């Protein structure tokens, strides 16, 4: 996985922080560390879809919400222009 650009990482970090009500670093493990549970994962996915126009498939949520960087890499590959 390539390193995502800083702009999407910053915006996605804000989205995640707003949903879980705590600051996160780009490499923090979100699900594994229990910062994100199934309900907050859905909220994050919906916010990402609204902000970036890309939908995270339900079967891939855990993979792409591993960290903010992982989510940013997914967004960069799937963002609608």
C-alpha atoms as a PDB file:
ATOM      1  CA  UNK A   1       0.000   0.000   0.000  1.00  0.00           C
ATOM      2  CA  UNK A   2       1.378   3.402  -0.969  1.00  0.00           C
ATOM      3  CA  UNK A   3       1.507   6.329   1.411  1.00  0.00           C
ATOM      4  CA  UNK A   4      -1.658   8.436   1.015  1.00  0.00           C
ATOM      5  CA  UNK A   5      -1.536  12.186   0.360  1.00  0.00           C
ATOM      6  CA  UNK A   6      -1.669  14.439   3.406  1.00  0.00           C
ATOM      7  CA  UNK A   7      -4.904  16.265   2.516  1.00  0.00           C
ATOM      8  CA  UNK A   8      -7.204  13.199   2.552  1.00  0.00           C
ATOM      9  CA  UNK A   9      -5.425  11.892   5.653  1.00  0.00           C
ATOM     10  CA  UNK A  10      -6.084  15.149   7.500  1.00  0.00           C
ATOM     11  CA  UNK A  11      -9.754  15.303   6.440  1.00  0.00           C
ATOM     12  CA  UNK A  12     -10.309  11.629   7.262  1.00  0.00           C
ATOM     13  CA  UNK A  13      -8.588  12.109  10.615  1.00  0.00           C
ATOM     14  CA  UNK A  14     -11.073  14.905  11.347  1.00  0.00           C
ATOM     15  CA  UNK A  15     -14.011  12.701  10.310  1.00  0.00           C
ATOM     16  CA  UNK A  16     -12.870   9.809  12.501  1.00  0.00           C
ATOM     17  CA  UNK A  17     -12.090  12.101  15.444  1.00  0.00           C
ATOM     18  CA  UNK A  18     -15.514  13.749  15.190  1.00  0.00           C
ATOM     19  CA  UNK A  19     -17.283  10.393  15.170  1.00  0.00           C
ATOM     20  CA  UNK A  20     -15.330   8.764  18.004  1.00  0.00           C
ATOM     21  CA  UNK A  21     -14.855  12.011  19.977  1.00  0.00           C
ATOM     22  CA  UNK A  22     -11.096  11.606  20.403  1.00  0.00           C
ATOM     23  CA  UNK A  23      -8.040  12.558  18.393  1.00  0.00           C
ATOM     24  CA  UNK A  24      -6.330   9.884  16.326  1.00  0.00           C
ATOM     25  CA  UNK A  25      -2.988   9.555  14.607  1.00  0.00           C
ATOM     26  CA  UNK A  26      -2.875   8.354  10.984  1.00  0.00           C
ATOM     27  CA  UNK A  27      -1.393   4.971  11.977  1.00  0.00           C
ATOM     28  CA  UNK A  28      -3.532   4.305  15.076  1.00  0.00           C
ATOM     29  CA  UNK A  29      -5.257   0.929  14.861  1.00  0.00           C
ATOM     30  CA  UNK A  30      -8.919   1.892  15.002  1.00  0.00           C
ATOM     31  CA  UNK A  31     -10.826  -1.377  15.231  1.00  0.00           C
ATOM     32  CA  UNK A  32      -8.096  -3.505  16.801  1.00  0.00           C
ATOM     33  CA  UNK A  33      -7.646  -0.959  19.609  1.00  0.00           C
ATOM     34  CA  UNK A  34     -11.440  -0.772  20.133  1.00  0.00           C
ATOM     35  CA  UNK A  35     -11.551   2.947  19.352  1.00  0.00           C
ATOM     36  CA  UNK A  36     -14.059   2.044  16.620  1.00  0.00           C
ATOM     37  CA  UNK A  37     -16.858  -0.485  17.080  1.00  0.00           C
ATOM     38  CA  UNK A  38     -19.446  -1.652  14.559  1.00  0.00           C
ATOM     39  CA  UNK A  39     -21.774   1.301  15.140  1.00  0.00           C
ATOM     40  CA  UNK A  40     -19.094   3.961  14.894  1.00  0.00           C
ATOM     41  CA  UNK A  41     -17.657   2.178  11.840  1.00  0.00           C
ATOM     42  CA  UNK A  42     -20.981   2.664  10.069  1.00  0.00           C
ATOM     43  CA  UNK A  43     -21.025   6.348  11.057  1.00  0.00           C
ATOM     44  CA  UNK A  44     -17.486   6.796   9.713  1.00  0.00           C
ATOM     45  CA  UNK A  45     -18.295   5.010   6.451  1.00  0.00           C
ATOM     46  CA  UNK A  46     -21.379   7.183   5.907  1.00  0.00           C
ATOM     47  CA  UNK A  47     -19.397  10.361   6.617  1.00  0.00           C
ATOM     48  CA  UNK A  48     -16.653   9.255   4.202  1.00  0.00           C
ATOM     49  CA  UNK A  49     -19.238   8.539   1.533  1.00  0.00           C
ATOM     50  CA  UNK A  50     -20.765  11.992   1.993  1.00  0.00           C
ATOM     51  CA  UNK A  51     -17.408  13.791   2.006  1.00  0.00           C
ATOM     52  CA  UNK A  52     -15.583  11.890  -0.722  1.00  0.00           C
ATOM     53  CA  UNK A  53     -18.268  10.177  -2.793  1.00  0.00           C
ATOM     54  CA  UNK A  54     -16.893   6.674  -2.389  1.00  0.00           C
ATOM     55  CA  UNK A  55     -18.679   3.795  -0.740  1.00  0.00           C
ATOM     56  CA  UNK A  56     -16.856   1.254   1.416  1.00  0.00           C
ATOM     57  CA  UNK A  57     -18.331  -2.197   0.733  1.00  0.00           C
ATOM     58  CA  UNK A  58     -19.704  -3.729   3.952  1.00  0.00           C
ATOM     59  CA  UNK A  59     -17.463  -6.779   3.588  1.00  0.00           C
ATOM     60  CA  UNK A  60     -14.381  -4.520   3.444  1.00  0.00           C
ATOM     61  CA  UNK A  61     -15.114  -2.129   6.344  1.00  0.00           C
ATOM     62  CA  UNK A  62     -12.751  -3.836   8.787  1.00  0.00           C
ATOM     63  CA  UNK A  63      -9.921  -3.817   6.245  1.00  0.00           C
ATOM     64  CA  UNK A  64     -10.285  -0.160   5.262  1.00  0.00           C
ATOM     65  CA  UNK A  65     -10.921   1.092   8.796  1.00  0.00           C
ATOM     66  CA  UNK A  66      -7.731  -0.471  10.099  1.00  0.00           C
ATOM     67  CA  UNK A  67      -6.286   3.051  10.377  1.00  0.00           C
ATOM     68  CA  UNK A  68      -6.787   6.542   8.982  1.00  0.00           C
ATOM     69  CA  UNK A  69      -3.959   5.856   6.523  1.00  0.00           C
ATOM     70  CA  UNK A  70      -5.643   2.663   5.314  1.00  0.00           C
ATOM     71  CA  UNK A  71      -8.906   4.552   4.856  1.00  0.00           C
ATOM     72  CA  UNK A  72      -7.119   7.362   2.999  1.00  0.00           C
ATOM     73  CA  UNK A  73      -5.510   4.868   0.615  1.00  0.00           C
ATOM     74  CA  UNK A  74      -8.951   3.386  -0.118  1.00  0.00           C
ATOM     75  CA  UNK A  75     -10.467   6.836  -0.668  1.00  0.00           C
ATOM     76  CA  UNK A  76      -7.684   7.881  -3.042  1.00  0.00           C
ATOM     77  CA  UNK A  77      -8.229   4.742  -5.130  1.00  0.00           C
ATOM     78  CA  UNK A  78     -12.025   5.010  -5.167  1.00  0.00           C
ATOM     79  CA  UNK A  79     -12.897   8.710  -4.918  1.00  0.00           C
ATOM     80  CA  UNK A  80     -15.317   9.977  -7.548  1.00  0.00           C
ATOM     81  CA  UNK A  81     -13.974  12.958  -9.429  1.00  0.00           C
END
